[in-house]
Amino acid sequence: MFLPELWPSYYSKAKGVEVWDLDGNKYIDMSITAIGACPLGYADDEVNEAVKKAVDNASMTTLNCPEEVELAELLFELHPWADMVRYA
């Protein structure tokens, strides 16, 4: 944590740029949203719905899905200098 004396160690909920601690105190996250993990903010509705849909389709598999190809094509459009996409 950047400011352990001013920022909660645990949270009960987070939405957008707001974070609530276990006592219900609300904080505005003016850092880079959990060190850059949430560029759209916490609990983005569109992202959450996409994740729920993906989990409903198959929560764990090593098989390839068509979204991998779609994402690779989009990444190539965004970064035409790249010659491959690798998922890890």
N, C-alpha and C. Protein backbone atom coordinates (compact mmCIF):
# COMPACT_ATOMS: atom_id res chain seq x y z
N MET A 1 0.83 -1.19 0.00
CA MET A 1 0.00 0.00 0.00
C MET A 1 0.87 1.25 0.00
N PHE A 2 0.39 2.27 -0.67
CA PHE A 2 1.14 3.51 -0.74
C PHE A 2 1.08 4.29 0.58
N LEU A 3 -0.07 4.34 1.21
CA LEU A 3 -0.25 5.09 2.47
C LEU A 3 -0.97 4.21 3.48
N PRO A 4 -0.28 3.27 4.11
CA PRO A 4 -0.96 2.33 4.99
C PRO A 4 -1.71 2.98 6.14
N GLU A 5 -1.28 4.15 6.60
CA GLU A 5 -1.99 4.80 7.70
C GLU A 5 -3.23 5.56 7.22
N LEU A 6 -3.37 5.77 5.91
CA LEU A 6 -4.50 6.51 5.36
C LEU A 6 -5.37 5.70 4.41
N TRP A 7 -4.97 4.49 4.13
CA TRP A 7 -5.67 3.67 3.14
C TRP A 7 -5.99 2.32 3.77
N PRO A 8 -7.20 1.79 3.55
CA PRO A 8 -7.57 0.52 4.21
C PRO A 8 -6.74 -0.66 3.71
N SER A 9 -6.41 -1.56 4.63
CA SER A 9 -5.72 -2.79 4.25
C SER A 9 -6.69 -3.78 3.63
N TYR A 10 -7.96 -3.69 4.03
CA TYR A 10 -9.00 -4.58 3.53
C TYR A 10 -10.17 -3.73 3.05
N TYR A 11 -10.90 -4.24 2.10
CA TYR A 11 -12.06 -3.50 1.61
C TYR A 11 -13.27 -4.42 1.58
N SER A 12 -14.46 -3.82 1.64
CA SER A 12 -15.69 -4.60 1.56
C SER A 12 -16.32 -4.49 0.19
N LYS A 13 -16.05 -3.37 -0.51
CA LYS A 13 -16.60 -3.19 -1.85
C LYS A 13 -15.83 -2.08 -2.55
N ALA A 14 -15.87 -2.12 -3.88
CA ALA A 14 -15.24 -1.08 -4.69
C ALA A 14 -16.06 -0.92 -5.96
N LYS A 15 -16.29 0.33 -6.37
CA LYS A 15 -17.08 0.62 -7.56
C LYS A 15 -16.57 1.92 -8.16
N GLY A 16 -16.28 1.91 -9.44
CA GLY A 16 -15.76 3.11 -10.08
C GLY A 16 -14.42 3.49 -9.50
N VAL A 17 -14.34 4.68 -8.89
CA VAL A 17 -13.10 5.12 -8.24
C VAL A 17 -13.23 5.07 -6.72
N GLU A 18 -14.32 4.51 -6.22
CA GLU A 18 -14.57 4.50 -4.78
C GLU A 18 -14.32 3.13 -4.18
N VAL A 19 -13.78 3.14 -2.96
CA VAL A 19 -13.47 1.92 -2.21
C VAL A 19 -14.03 2.09 -0.81
N TRP A 20 -14.70 1.05 -0.28
CA TRP A 20 -15.23 1.07 1.07
C TRP A 20 -14.45 0.10 1.94
N ASP A 21 -14.08 0.54 3.14
CA ASP A 21 -13.38 -0.37 4.04
C ASP A 21 -14.38 -1.23 4.80
N LEU A 22 -13.88 -2.08 5.69
CA LEU A 22 -14.74 -3.01 6.42
C LEU A 22 -15.68 -2.31 7.38
N ASP A 23 -15.39 -1.06 7.74
CA ASP A 23 -16.25 -0.29 8.63
C ASP A 23 -17.23 0.60 7.88
N GLY A 24 -17.24 0.51 6.55
CA GLY A 24 -18.16 1.30 5.75
C GLY A 24 -17.66 2.68 5.37
N ASN A 25 -16.42 3.00 5.72
CA ASN A 25 -15.84 4.29 5.32
C ASN A 25 -15.51 4.26 3.84
N LYS A 26 -15.86 5.35 3.14
CA LYS A 26 -15.64 5.42 1.69
C LYS A 26 -14.39 6.24 1.39
N TYR A 27 -13.58 5.73 0.46
CA TYR A 27 -12.36 6.39 0.02
C TYR A 27 -12.43 6.60 -1.49
N ILE A 28 -11.81 7.64 -1.97
CA ILE A 28 -11.66 7.84 -3.41
C ILE A 28 -10.25 7.39 -3.78
N ASP A 29 -10.17 6.45 -4.70
CA ASP A 29 -8.88 5.93 -5.12
C ASP A 29 -8.28 6.89 -6.15
N MET A 30 -7.34 7.68 -5.71
CA MET A 30 -6.68 8.63 -6.60
C MET A 30 -5.33 8.11 -7.06
N SER A 31 -5.07 6.84 -6.77
CA SER A 31 -3.86 6.21 -7.29
C SER A 31 -4.18 5.74 -8.70
N ILE A 32 -3.50 4.76 -9.17
CA ILE A 32 -3.80 4.25 -10.50
C ILE A 32 -4.62 2.97 -10.37
N THR A 33 -5.73 3.09 -9.69
CA THR A 33 -6.69 2.01 -9.47
C THR A 33 -6.02 0.68 -9.17
N ALA A 34 -5.67 0.53 -7.93
CA ALA A 34 -5.06 -0.72 -7.43
C ALA A 34 -3.78 -1.04 -8.19
N ILE A 35 -2.96 -0.03 -8.36
CA ILE A 35 -1.68 -0.17 -9.05
C ILE A 35 -1.87 -0.62 -10.49
N GLY A 36 -2.87 -0.05 -11.15
CA GLY A 36 -3.04 -0.25 -12.58
C GLY A 36 -3.87 -1.45 -13.00
N ALA A 37 -4.46 -2.16 -12.08
CA ALA A 37 -5.19 -3.37 -12.44
C ALA A 37 -6.58 -3.08 -13.01
N CYS A 38 -7.12 -1.91 -12.78
CA CYS A 38 -8.49 -1.61 -13.18
C CYS A 38 -8.58 -0.30 -13.97
N PRO A 39 -8.14 -0.27 -15.21
CA PRO A 39 -8.13 0.99 -15.95
C PRO A 39 -9.52 1.57 -16.19
N LEU A 40 -10.56 0.76 -16.11
CA LEU A 40 -11.92 1.26 -16.28
C LEU A 40 -12.60 1.54 -14.96
N GLY A 41 -11.88 1.43 -13.86
CA GLY A 41 -12.47 1.59 -12.54
C GLY A 41 -12.87 0.24 -11.98
N TYR A 42 -13.19 0.23 -10.72
CA TYR A 42 -13.59 -1.01 -10.07
C TYR A 42 -15.01 -1.38 -10.46
N ALA A 43 -15.26 -2.67 -10.63
CA ALA A 43 -16.60 -3.21 -10.86
C ALA A 43 -17.31 -2.52 -12.01
N ASP A 44 -16.62 -2.34 -13.13
CA ASP A 44 -17.24 -1.76 -14.31
C ASP A 44 -18.35 -2.68 -14.80
N ASP A 45 -19.55 -2.14 -14.99
CA ASP A 45 -20.71 -2.97 -15.33
C ASP A 45 -20.51 -3.77 -16.62
N GLU A 46 -19.97 -3.13 -17.65
CA GLU A 46 -19.78 -3.82 -18.92
C GLU A 46 -18.75 -4.94 -18.79
N VAL A 47 -17.68 -4.68 -18.09
CA VAL A 47 -16.65 -5.71 -17.88
C VAL A 47 -17.22 -6.85 -17.04
N ASN A 48 -17.93 -6.52 -15.97
CA ASN A 48 -18.52 -7.56 -15.12
C ASN A 48 -19.47 -8.46 -15.90
N GLU A 49 -20.31 -7.87 -16.75
CA GLU A 49 -21.25 -8.67 -17.54
C GLU A 49 -20.51 -9.59 -18.51
N ALA A 50 -19.45 -9.09 -19.13
CA ALA A 50 -18.67 -9.92 -20.05
C ALA A 50 -18.01 -11.08 -19.32
N VAL A 51 -17.50 -10.81 -18.12
CA VAL A 51 -16.88 -11.88 -17.32
C VAL A 51 -17.92 -12.92 -16.92
N LYS A 52 -19.09 -12.47 -16.48
CA LYS A 52 -20.15 -13.41 -16.10
C LYS A 52 -20.56 -14.28 -17.28
N LYS A 53 -20.69 -13.67 -18.45
CA LYS A 53 -21.05 -14.43 -19.65
C LYS A 53 -19.98 -15.47 -19.97
N ALA A 54 -18.71 -15.08 -19.88
CA ALA A 54 -17.63 -16.02 -20.16
C ALA A 54 -17.62 -17.17 -19.17
N VAL A 55 -17.85 -16.88 -17.90
CA VAL A 55 -17.88 -17.93 -16.87
C VAL A 55 -19.07 -18.85 -17.09
N ASP A 56 -20.21 -18.29 -17.49
CA ASP A 56 -21.38 -19.12 -17.77
C ASP A 56 -21.13 -20.07 -18.94
N ASN A 57 -20.33 -19.64 -19.91
CA ASN A 57 -20.04 -20.48 -21.08
C ASN A 57 -19.09 -21.62 -20.74
N ALA A 58 -18.12 -21.38 -19.91
CA ALA A 58 -17.17 -22.41 -19.48
C ALA A 58 -16.20 -21.77 -18.50
N SER A 59 -16.25 -22.22 -17.26
CA SER A 59 -15.43 -21.56 -16.25
C SER A 59 -13.97 -22.02 -16.25
N MET A 60 -13.69 -23.20 -16.76
CA MET A 60 -12.29 -23.65 -16.77
C MET A 60 -12.11 -24.64 -17.90
N THR A 61 -11.27 -24.28 -18.84
CA THR A 61 -10.97 -25.18 -19.93
C THR A 61 -9.64 -24.80 -20.55
N THR A 62 -8.95 -25.76 -21.11
CA THR A 62 -7.72 -25.46 -21.84
C THR A 62 -7.98 -25.38 -23.34
N LEU A 63 -9.24 -25.52 -23.73
CA LEU A 63 -9.58 -25.41 -25.14
C LEU A 63 -9.54 -23.95 -25.57
N ASN A 64 -9.30 -23.73 -26.84
CA ASN A 64 -9.27 -22.36 -27.37
C ASN A 64 -10.68 -21.87 -27.67
N CYS A 65 -10.87 -20.57 -27.51
CA CYS A 65 -12.18 -19.98 -27.80
C CYS A 65 -12.02 -18.95 -28.92
N PRO A 66 -13.09 -18.64 -29.65
CA PRO A 66 -12.99 -17.69 -30.76
C PRO A 66 -12.61 -16.28 -30.31
N GLU A 67 -12.88 -15.94 -29.06
CA GLU A 67 -12.52 -14.61 -28.56
C GLU A 67 -11.01 -14.39 -28.57
N GLU A 68 -10.24 -15.48 -28.44
CA GLU A 68 -8.78 -15.35 -28.50
C GLU A 68 -8.34 -14.84 -29.87
N VAL A 69 -8.97 -15.36 -30.91
CA VAL A 69 -8.64 -14.93 -32.27
C VAL A 69 -9.10 -13.49 -32.48
N GLU A 70 -10.31 -13.17 -32.03
CA GLU A 70 -10.83 -11.81 -32.16
C GLU A 70 -9.91 -10.81 -31.47
N LEU A 71 -9.46 -11.14 -30.26
CA LEU A 71 -8.57 -10.25 -29.53
C LEU A 71 -7.23 -10.11 -30.25
N ALA A 72 -6.70 -11.21 -30.76
CA ALA A 72 -5.43 -11.16 -31.49
C ALA A 72 -5.55 -10.25 -32.71
N GLU A 73 -6.65 -10.36 -33.45
CA GLU A 73 -6.86 -9.50 -34.62
C GLU A 73 -6.95 -8.04 -34.21
N LEU A 74 -7.64 -7.76 -33.12
CA LEU A 74 -7.75 -6.38 -32.63
C LEU A 74 -6.38 -5.85 -32.21
N LEU A 75 -5.61 -6.68 -31.53
CA LEU A 75 -4.27 -6.25 -31.12
C LEU A 75 -3.38 -5.96 -32.32
N PHE A 76 -3.51 -6.75 -33.38
CA PHE A 76 -2.74 -6.48 -34.60
C PHE A 76 -3.17 -5.17 -35.24
N GLU A 77 -4.47 -4.86 -35.21
CA GLU A 77 -4.95 -3.58 -35.74
C GLU A 77 -4.38 -2.42 -34.93
N LEU A 78 -4.34 -2.58 -33.62
CA LEU A 78 -3.84 -1.52 -32.75
C LEU A 78 -2.32 -1.38 -32.81
N HIS A 79 -1.64 -2.50 -33.06
CA HIS A 79 -0.17 -2.53 -33.06
C HIS A 79 0.33 -3.20 -34.34
N PRO A 80 0.27 -2.50 -35.48
CA PRO A 80 0.63 -3.14 -36.75
C PRO A 80 2.09 -3.57 -36.84
N TRP A 81 2.94 -3.09 -35.96
CA TRP A 81 4.35 -3.48 -35.95
C TRP A 81 4.55 -4.89 -35.38
N ALA A 82 3.55 -5.41 -34.66
CA ALA A 82 3.68 -6.73 -34.03
C ALA A 82 3.52 -7.83 -35.07
N ASP A 83 4.25 -8.92 -34.89
CA ASP A 83 4.11 -10.04 -35.83
C ASP A 83 3.52 -11.28 -35.18
N MET A 84 3.22 -11.21 -33.88
CA MET A 84 2.56 -12.33 -33.22
C MET A 84 1.89 -11.86 -31.94
N VAL A 85 0.93 -12.65 -31.50
CA VAL A 85 0.27 -12.44 -30.20
C VAL A 85 0.48 -13.70 -29.40
N ARG A 86 0.86 -13.54 -28.15
CA ARG A 86 1.03 -14.70 -27.27
C ARG A 86 0.27 -14.45 -25.98
N TYR A 87 -0.54 -15.39 -25.60
CA TYR A 87 -1.28 -15.30 -24.34
C TYR A 87 -0.54 -16.08 -23.27
N ALA A 88 -0.54 -15.57 -22.07
CA ALA A 88 0.12 -16.27 -20.98
C ALA A 88 -0.76 -16.25 -19.74
